[in-house]
Amino acid sequence: MIKRNIETFADKVIHNYNKMLFVSGPRQSGKTTFAKMFADKNYQSVYVNWDIINDQKRIITNPYFFEQESRDLKVPFLVLFDEIHKYKNWKNYLKGCYDGFSKDFRFIVTGSGRLDLFKKGGDSIFGRYMAINLFPFTLGEITETKIDWDNFYKYLQNGFEKRTYHKEYLDLFNLSGFPEPYIKNEISFYNIWANERKKTLIKEDIRNAYIIKDISNIEVLSNLLPDKIGSPLSINSLREDIGVAFDSVKKWLLILQQFYYIFIVKPYSKRISRALKKEPKIYLYDWVEIEEEARRFENVVALHLYKAVSLWKGCGYGDFELFYIRDKEGREVDFLVTKNKKPLMLVEAKYSDEEISRHLLYFQQKLQVPYAIQVVHKSDVLKRSSMNNLTQYVISADNLFYYLP
């Protein structure tokens, strides 16, 4: 079984910081499996799921039921709450659990994107938890790369070593990074699984969380999005395609983001005259939905970078963000990683072109970005160059992804 790379962070939160750990992420990314395996490996534990009627009754009739569990008093006891955010008073309930019992018990809370939504803002559990996202598998996680910004930065500065994991990379490319289809390693299984996952996400998770008159319109929107990958997103165009109001499409996109169907990369405009400032790009957590391979490749690069940036930030390595750059003259670079608000690394996804992009070099010079990376789908490519004390790489996707968590 592939070891999830948030395990070290989880252990630090639970054992060292004695905080509740919130684990959010896409449906079927392995949150419950991770929590149970983590508990079995490190702690005594009990698991309850709000979707199970008997567990609901247990929580309502005996809120602090875990006190009655048989346990070794010398060893911390871990309580796993799954989908507890569906309980109307879940925040106050968790506050009571933590405030009254955190000396002897530890808590992990897992759930859908709705958990990620409702944990934000001022609330009664502020200061009592730390949160991390559990993403689908990426190549670095499969090859057991740790969430370690310092190690990645060392190679970024000194030069990457050539690594080849092309089979593993192609399996990800064709089967997604979601654990079940990746491990089953069958396209036919993926097709069945993906259809059921999407139907459940829209017609159960989203419909149960929001009052939406015509849920089929969100389904139509989700079917249009794979063809929009890699381009600045026009809500007006989507509105015309579906035949609904602008504000409805805007709201539905936010819901799809909150439930981890899509993620958004915003444009970067500082120090760039005539830059696009409003139109984001969208990408899918399940990139296999994208049939056109060049678009799918850009999405794979996007998710690897987005996951790395999110985990580096979540684990305390700095304030990392992911953007794209495009100006009104049509010059564009797919991705820009910033650290503590300063441009650090430009990344361009080129499915087959090994000749370094003129736009990549243009924006590197204009913004004085220390590192520019062109990622290609082909294996066994690694080139390094420099210009005006700035570094450029052309590198295979499987090689670069090995170094990302």
Protein backbone atom coordinates (compact mmCIF):
# COMPACT_ATOMS: atom_id res chain seq x y z
CA MET A 1 0.00 0.00 0.00
CA ILE A 2 1.30 3.47 -0.92
CA LYS A 3 2.16 5.53 2.14
CA ARG A 4 0.37 8.89 2.15
CA ASN A 5 2.83 11.73 2.53
CA ILE A 6 0.71 13.74 4.98
CA GLU A 7 1.36 11.09 7.65
CA THR A 8 4.34 12.87 9.21
CA PHE A 9 2.41 16.14 9.43
CA ALA A 10 -0.60 14.32 10.88
CA ASP A 11 1.54 12.71 13.58
CA LYS A 12 3.05 16.09 14.47
CA VAL A 13 -0.39 17.73 14.79
CA ILE A 14 -1.83 14.90 16.87
CA HIS A 15 1.19 13.95 18.98
CA ASN A 16 3.29 17.12 19.31
CA TYR A 17 0.76 19.94 18.99
CA ASN A 18 -2.25 18.11 20.48
CA LYS A 19 -4.65 19.73 18.01
CA MET A 20 -7.60 18.24 16.19
CA LEU A 21 -6.61 17.32 12.64
CA PHE A 22 -9.04 18.16 9.84
CA VAL A 23 -8.45 16.15 6.65
CA SER A 24 -10.37 17.43 3.62
CA GLY A 25 -10.13 16.52 -0.04
CA PRO A 26 -11.89 15.19 -3.12
CA ARG A 27 -14.38 12.36 -2.86
CA GLN A 28 -12.58 8.99 -3.16
CA SER A 29 -9.11 10.47 -2.50
CA GLY A 30 -8.63 8.11 0.47
CA LYS A 31 -9.37 10.28 3.52
CA THR A 32 -11.15 7.60 5.56
CA THR A 33 -8.64 4.92 4.59
CA PHE A 34 -5.77 7.19 5.58
CA ALA A 35 -7.32 8.04 8.96
CA LYS A 36 -8.00 4.40 9.83
CA MET A 37 -4.54 3.21 8.77
CA PHE A 38 -2.90 6.06 10.65
CA ALA A 39 -4.86 5.20 13.78
CA ASP A 40 -4.13 1.47 13.54
CA LYS A 41 -0.42 2.17 13.17
CA ASN A 42 0.01 4.66 15.98
CA TYR A 43 -2.89 4.70 18.45
CA GLN A 44 -5.80 3.03 20.14
CA SER A 45 -8.87 4.32 18.35
CA VAL A 46 -12.60 4.33 17.66
CA TYR A 47 -14.26 5.30 14.35
CA VAL A 48 -17.70 6.85 13.88
CA ASN A 49 -19.40 7.99 10.68
CA TRP A 50 -22.36 10.40 10.73
CA ASP A 51 -23.75 8.71 7.60
CA ILE A 52 -24.22 5.49 9.61
CA ILE A 53 -27.53 5.66 11.52
CA ASN A 54 -26.26 3.73 14.55
CA ASP A 55 -23.28 6.08 14.84
CA GLN A 56 -25.60 9.10 14.67
CA LYS A 57 -27.67 7.70 17.55
CA ARG A 58 -24.51 6.99 19.50
CA ILE A 59 -23.28 10.58 19.20
CA ILE A 60 -26.66 12.17 19.97
CA THR A 61 -27.59 9.96 22.94
CA ASN A 62 -24.09 9.75 24.43
CA PRO A 63 -21.98 12.63 23.01
CA TYR A 64 -18.79 11.62 24.80
CA PHE A 65 -19.20 7.90 24.08
CA PHE A 66 -15.45 7.48 23.63
CA GLU A 67 -14.97 7.79 27.40
CA GLN A 68 -16.51 4.32 27.76
CA GLU A 69 -14.10 2.67 25.30
CA SER A 70 -11.75 0.07 26.73
CA ARG A 71 -8.25 1.57 26.58
CA ASP A 72 -4.74 1.63 27.98
CA LEU A 73 -4.56 4.86 30.01
CA LYS A 74 -0.85 5.18 29.28
CA VAL A 75 -1.43 5.51 25.53
CA PRO A 76 -3.33 8.38 23.82
CA PHE A 77 -6.67 7.34 22.36
CA LEU A 78 -7.67 8.59 18.89
CA VAL A 79 -11.29 9.36 17.97
CA LEU A 80 -12.04 9.40 14.21
CA PHE A 81 -15.06 11.45 13.13
CA ASP A 82 -16.13 10.93 9.51
CA GLU A 83 -18.70 13.26 7.85
CA ILE A 84 -19.45 14.85 11.24
CA HIS A 85 -19.88 18.22 9.48
CA LYS A 86 -23.35 17.00 8.40
CA TYR A 87 -24.42 17.23 12.06
CA LYS A 88 -26.10 20.62 12.57
CA ASN A 89 -24.18 21.43 15.77
CA TRP A 90 -20.88 19.85 14.73
CA LYS A 91 -18.66 22.80 15.63
CA ASN A 92 -19.95 23.16 19.18
CA TYR A 93 -19.86 19.41 19.56
CA LEU A 94 -16.19 19.19 18.54
CA LYS A 95 -15.38 22.18 20.76
CA GLY A 96 -16.85 20.27 23.72
CA CYS A 97 -14.90 17.13 22.83
CA TYR A 98 -11.62 19.01 22.56
CA ASP A 99 -12.03 21.32 25.55
CA GLY A 100 -13.17 18.54 27.84
CA PHE A 101 -11.05 15.61 26.76
CA SER A 102 -7.94 16.69 24.80
CA LYS A 103 -5.66 15.63 27.65
CA ASP A 104 -6.53 11.95 27.19
CA PHE A 105 -7.97 11.82 23.67
CA ARG A 106 -6.90 12.96 20.21
CA PHE A 107 -9.25 13.74 17.30
CA ILE A 108 -9.18 13.40 13.51
CA VAL A 109 -12.07 14.82 11.49
CA THR A 110 -12.47 13.76 7.85
CA GLY A 111 -15.00 14.84 5.28
CA SER A 112 -15.85 16.14 1.86
CA GLY A 113 -15.23 19.61 0.46
CA ARG A 114 -18.12 20.81 2.58
CA LEU A 115 -15.95 20.31 5.66
CA ASP A 116 -13.33 22.54 4.06
CA LEU A 117 -16.02 25.16 3.44
CA PHE A 118 -17.49 25.20 6.91
CA LYS A 119 -14.22 25.23 8.82
CA LYS A 120 -13.38 28.67 7.41
CA GLY A 121 -14.14 31.97 9.07
CA GLY A 122 -14.66 32.88 12.70
CA ASP A 123 -16.08 29.95 14.61
CA SER A 124 -16.10 28.20 17.95
CA ILE A 125 -13.29 25.77 17.13
CA PHE A 126 -10.72 28.36 16.06
CA GLY A 127 -7.29 27.57 17.53
CA ARG A 128 -8.24 24.00 18.31
CA TYR A 129 -7.45 22.37 14.96
CA MET A 130 -5.01 22.28 12.08
CA ALA A 131 -6.08 21.36 8.56
CA ILE A 132 -4.49 19.54 5.64
CA ASN A 133 -5.79 18.45 2.24
CA LEU A 134 -5.46 14.88 1.06
CA PHE A 135 -5.00 15.05 -2.71
CA PRO A 136 -5.07 12.22 -5.22
CA PHE A 137 -1.76 10.42 -5.73
CA THR A 138 1.00 12.29 -7.52
CA LEU A 139 4.25 10.77 -8.74
CA GLY A 140 6.29 12.04 -5.80
CA GLU A 141 3.88 10.47 -3.34
CA ILE A 142 4.04 7.15 -5.19
CA THR A 143 7.86 7.27 -5.08
CA GLU A 144 7.69 8.36 -1.39
CA THR A 145 8.98 11.90 -1.78
CA LYS A 146 8.47 13.74 1.51
CA ILE A 147 6.75 17.11 1.92
CA ASP A 148 10.06 18.93 2.20
CA TRP A 149 10.43 22.32 0.51
CA ASP A 150 14.07 22.64 1.59
CA ASN A 151 15.01 19.44 -0.23
CA PHE A 152 13.21 20.50 -3.42
CA TYR A 153 14.82 23.94 -3.29
CA LYS A 154 18.26 22.39 -2.96
CA TYR A 155 17.79 20.55 -6.26
CA LEU A 156 16.21 23.60 -7.88
CA GLN A 157 19.34 25.59 -7.04
CA ASN A 158 22.01 22.99 -7.71
CA GLY A 159 20.45 20.99 -10.54
CA PHE A 160 18.04 18.08 -10.74
CA GLU A 161 19.41 14.58 -11.08
CA LYS A 162 18.02 12.48 -13.93
CA ARG A 163 15.22 10.21 -12.72
CA THR A 164 13.00 7.97 -14.85
CA TYR A 165 9.58 6.83 -13.67
CA HIS A 166 7.83 6.87 -17.02
CA LYS A 167 5.64 3.80 -16.44
CA GLU A 168 4.33 5.17 -13.13
CA TYR A 169 3.80 8.55 -14.76
CA LEU A 170 1.86 7.08 -17.70
CA ASP A 171 -0.31 5.07 -15.30
CA LEU A 172 -1.18 8.33 -13.54
CA PHE A 173 -1.76 10.08 -16.86
CA ASN A 174 -4.17 7.39 -18.08
CA LEU A 175 -5.84 6.24 -14.84
CA SER A 176 -5.88 9.39 -12.64
CA GLY A 177 -4.28 9.77 -9.22
CA PHE A 178 -7.30 8.51 -7.32
CA PRO A 179 -6.22 5.46 -5.30
CA GLU A 180 -8.77 2.86 -6.37
CA PRO A 181 -8.49 3.13 -10.19
CA TYR A 182 -4.73 3.71 -9.99
CA ILE A 183 -4.19 0.55 -7.93
CA LYS A 184 -6.67 -1.52 -10.00
CA ASN A 185 -4.75 -0.41 -13.14
CA GLU A 186 -7.59 -1.09 -15.60
CA ILE A 187 -9.07 1.51 -17.95
CA SER A 188 -12.43 -0.27 -17.93
CA PHE A 189 -12.57 -0.08 -14.13
CA TYR A 190 -11.63 3.62 -14.25
CA ASN A 191 -14.50 4.33 -16.67
CA ILE A 192 -17.08 2.69 -14.40
CA TRP A 193 -15.59 4.25 -11.26
CA ALA A 194 -15.35 7.78 -12.72
CA ASN A 195 -18.96 7.78 -13.90
CA GLU A 196 -20.23 6.68 -10.48
CA ARG A 197 -18.00 9.13 -8.61
CA LYS A 198 -19.16 12.11 -10.64
CA LYS A 199 -22.82 11.14 -10.38
CA THR A 200 -22.57 10.74 -6.59
CA LEU A 201 -20.67 14.01 -6.20
CA ILE A 202 -23.25 16.08 -8.07
CA LYS A 203 -26.52 14.28 -7.37
CA GLU A 204 -25.88 13.45 -3.71
CA ASP A 205 -23.09 15.54 -2.14
CA ILE A 206 -23.89 18.85 -3.83
CA ARG A 207 -27.66 18.41 -3.97
CA ASN A 208 -27.78 17.53 -0.26
CA ALA A 209 -25.68 20.57 0.69
CA TYR A 210 -27.42 23.25 -1.41
CA ILE A 211 -30.94 24.00 -2.51
CA ILE A 212 -30.55 23.99 -6.29
CA LYS A 213 -33.70 23.90 -8.41
CA ASP A 214 -32.17 22.15 -11.38
CA ILE A 215 -29.14 20.06 -10.41
CA SER A 216 -28.88 18.91 -14.01
CA ASN A 217 -27.48 22.33 -14.97
CA ILE A 218 -24.47 21.75 -12.71
CA GLU A 219 -24.02 18.40 -14.40
CA VAL A 220 -24.13 20.11 -17.82
CA LEU A 221 -21.58 22.68 -16.60
CA SER A 222 -19.24 19.95 -15.36
CA ASN A 223 -19.41 18.27 -18.77
CA LEU A 224 -18.40 21.50 -20.52
CA LEU A 225 -15.39 22.23 -18.32
CA PRO A 226 -12.90 19.60 -19.65
CA ASP A 227 -12.78 21.50 -22.96
CA LYS A 228 -11.99 24.77 -21.14
CA ILE A 229 -8.80 23.53 -19.47
CA GLY A 230 -5.75 25.69 -20.08
CA SER A 231 -7.58 28.82 -21.26
CA PRO A 232 -8.76 31.84 -19.27
CA LEU A 233 -12.31 30.99 -18.27
CA SER A 234 -15.18 33.03 -19.73
CA ILE A 235 -18.25 32.79 -17.52
CA ASN A 236 -20.21 34.65 -20.21
CA SER A 237 -19.42 31.92 -22.72
CA LEU A 238 -20.53 29.22 -20.29
CA ARG A 239 -23.68 31.20 -19.49
CA GLU A 240 -24.58 31.31 -23.17
CA ASP A 241 -23.87 27.60 -23.63
CA ILE A 242 -26.13 26.57 -20.73
CA GLY A 243 -28.73 29.33 -21.15
CA VAL A 244 -28.73 30.60 -17.57
CA ALA A 245 -27.78 33.76 -15.69
CA PHE A 246 -24.16 34.87 -15.20
CA ASP A 247 -24.50 34.75 -11.40
CA SER A 248 -25.80 31.17 -11.53
CA VAL A 249 -22.74 29.93 -13.42
CA LYS A 250 -20.46 31.86 -11.06
CA LYS A 251 -22.16 30.27 -8.04
CA TRP A 252 -22.01 26.76 -9.53
CA LEU A 253 -18.30 27.08 -10.27
CA LEU A 254 -17.71 28.05 -6.64
CA ILE A 255 -19.69 24.99 -5.50
CA LEU A 256 -17.67 22.70 -7.79
CA GLN A 257 -14.51 24.21 -6.31
CA GLN A 258 -15.75 23.74 -2.74
CA PHE A 259 -16.49 20.09 -3.43
CA TYR A 260 -13.08 19.45 -5.01
CA TYR A 261 -14.25 18.85 -8.55
CA ILE A 262 -12.18 21.76 -9.87
CA PHE A 263 -9.42 24.01 -8.58
CA ILE A 264 -8.71 27.53 -9.74
CA VAL A 265 -5.45 29.23 -10.74
CA LYS A 266 -5.71 33.02 -10.79
CA PRO A 267 -3.75 35.42 -13.03
CA TYR A 268 -0.67 37.21 -11.70
CA SER A 269 -0.54 40.90 -12.59
CA LYS A 270 1.99 42.64 -10.35
CA ARG A 271 4.68 44.52 -12.28
CA ILE A 272 3.14 43.42 -15.60
CA SER A 273 1.59 46.15 -17.74
CA ARG A 274 -1.55 45.14 -19.67
CA ALA A 275 -1.81 41.85 -17.77
CA LEU A 276 -5.05 39.90 -17.53
CA LYS A 277 -6.34 40.44 -14.01
CA LYS A 278 -9.74 38.81 -13.69
CA GLU A 279 -10.13 35.63 -15.71
CA PRO A 280 -8.94 32.51 -13.83
CA LYS A 281 -8.05 29.15 -15.28
CA ILE A 282 -9.75 26.02 -14.01
CA TYR A 283 -8.36 22.50 -13.72
CA LEU A 284 -9.86 19.15 -12.71
CA TYR A 285 -8.79 16.88 -9.86
CA ASP A 286 -9.59 13.97 -12.20
CA TRP A 287 -7.57 14.89 -15.28
CA VAL A 288 -8.56 11.72 -17.19
CA GLU A 289 -11.89 13.38 -18.01
CA ILE A 290 -9.91 15.52 -20.47
CA GLU A 291 -9.68 13.65 -23.76
CA GLU A 292 -7.26 15.94 -25.62
CA GLU A 293 -3.80 14.88 -24.42
CA ALA A 294 -2.06 18.26 -24.49
CA ARG A 295 -4.78 19.78 -22.30
CA ARG A 296 -4.68 16.75 -20.03
CA PHE A 297 -0.91 17.12 -19.74
CA GLU A 298 -1.23 20.75 -18.64
CA ASN A 299 -3.79 19.65 -16.05
CA VAL A 300 -1.44 16.95 -14.72
CA VAL A 301 1.31 19.57 -14.33
CA ALA A 302 -1.18 21.94 -12.69
CA LEU A 303 -2.29 19.43 -10.08
CA HIS A 304 1.28 18.38 -9.22
CA LEU A 305 2.21 22.04 -8.66
CA TYR A 306 -1.02 22.92 -6.86
CA LYS A 307 -0.62 19.98 -4.50
CA ALA A 308 3.03 20.84 -3.80
CA VAL A 309 2.24 24.51 -3.12
CA SER A 310 -0.71 23.59 -0.86
CA LEU A 311 1.30 21.07 1.17
CA TRP A 312 4.38 23.28 1.52
CA LYS A 313 2.15 26.08 2.77
CA GLY A 314 0.04 23.81 4.97
CA CYS A 315 3.11 22.30 6.62
CA GLY A 316 4.60 25.68 7.47
CA TYR A 317 7.38 26.11 4.90
CA GLY A 318 6.16 29.55 3.83
CA ASP A 319 3.36 31.39 2.07
CA PHE A 320 3.30 29.65 -1.32
CA GLU A 321 0.84 30.51 -4.10
CA LEU A 322 0.22 29.35 -7.66
CA PHE A 323 -0.68 31.72 -10.52
CA TYR A 324 -0.56 31.93 -14.30
CA ILE A 325 0.64 34.89 -16.40
CA ARG A 326 -0.94 36.30 -19.56
CA ASP A 327 -0.84 39.78 -21.03
CA LYS A 328 -3.09 41.45 -23.58
CA GLU A 329 -0.50 40.84 -26.31
CA GLY A 330 -1.14 37.11 -25.88
CA ARG A 331 2.16 36.23 -24.18
CA GLU A 332 1.54 33.56 -21.57
CA VAL A 333 3.26 31.22 -19.13
CA ASP A 334 1.17 28.44 -17.65
CA PHE A 335 2.28 28.71 -14.03
CA LEU A 336 4.11 30.95 -11.59
CA VAL A 337 4.98 29.81 -8.07
CA THR A 338 5.50 32.57 -5.52
CA LYS A 339 6.94 32.29 -2.03
CA ASN A 340 6.09 34.97 0.50
CA LYS A 341 4.64 37.09 -2.35
CA LYS A 342 7.85 37.00 -4.43
CA PRO A 343 8.07 35.24 -7.84
CA LEU A 344 10.26 32.19 -7.50
CA MET A 345 9.61 29.70 -10.30
CA LEU A 346 7.93 29.86 -13.71
CA VAL A 347 6.66 26.57 -15.19
CA GLU A 348 5.52 25.99 -18.78
CA ALA A 349 3.84 22.73 -19.82
CA LYS A 350 4.78 21.68 -23.36
CA TYR A 351 3.50 18.30 -24.46
CA SER A 352 6.26 17.70 -27.03
CA ASP A 353 8.29 20.88 -27.63
CA GLU A 354 11.79 20.77 -26.09
CA GLU A 355 12.81 24.18 -27.46
CA ILE A 356 12.43 26.58 -24.56
CA SER A 357 9.46 28.92 -24.87
CA ARG A 358 10.09 32.55 -25.83
CA HIS A 359 7.31 33.64 -23.48
CA LEU A 360 8.91 31.72 -20.63
CA LEU A 361 12.19 33.57 -21.18
CA TYR A 362 10.38 36.91 -21.66
CA PHE A 363 8.55 36.78 -18.35
CA GLN A 364 11.56 35.37 -16.52
CA GLN A 365 13.62 38.38 -17.57
CA LYS A 366 10.81 40.90 -17.04
CA LEU A 367 9.99 39.71 -13.51
CA GLN A 368 13.52 38.51 -12.68
CA VAL A 369 12.23 35.11 -11.66
CA PRO A 370 15.20 32.99 -10.48
CA TYR A 371 14.03 29.72 -12.08
CA ALA A 372 12.13 28.87 -15.27
CA ILE A 373 11.11 25.27 -16.01
CA GLN A 374 9.70 23.83 -19.22
CA VAL A 375 8.08 20.44 -18.56
CA VAL A 376 7.62 17.92 -21.37
CA HIS A 377 5.60 14.72 -21.62
CA LYS A 378 8.50 12.76 -23.14
CA SER A 379 10.81 10.84 -20.80
CA ASP A 380 14.60 11.12 -20.44
CA VAL A 381 14.87 14.89 -21.01
CA LEU A 382 16.97 17.04 -18.68
CA LYS A 383 18.68 20.25 -19.80
CA ARG A 384 19.93 23.16 -17.75
CA SER A 385 21.03 26.60 -18.91
CA SER A 386 21.45 30.11 -17.55
CA MET A 387 20.95 33.64 -18.81
CA ASN A 388 21.77 36.85 -16.93
CA ASN A 389 22.18 34.90 -13.67
CA LEU A 390 18.75 33.28 -14.09
CA THR A 391 18.36 29.51 -14.44
CA GLN A 392 16.33 27.56 -17.01
CA TYR A 393 15.42 23.86 -17.14
CA VAL A 394 13.82 21.67 -19.79
CA ILE A 395 12.81 18.49 -17.98
CA SER A 396 10.62 15.42 -18.37
CA ALA A 397 7.42 15.39 -16.34
CA ASP A 398 8.31 12.12 -14.61
CA ASN A 399 11.70 13.59 -13.65
CA LEU A 400 10.33 16.86 -12.19
CA PHE A 401 7.38 15.18 -10.47
CA TYR A 402 9.70 12.84 -8.61
CA TYR A 403 10.91 15.86 -6.60
CA LEU A 404 7.43 17.21 -5.80
CA PRO A 405 5.38 15.84 -2.86
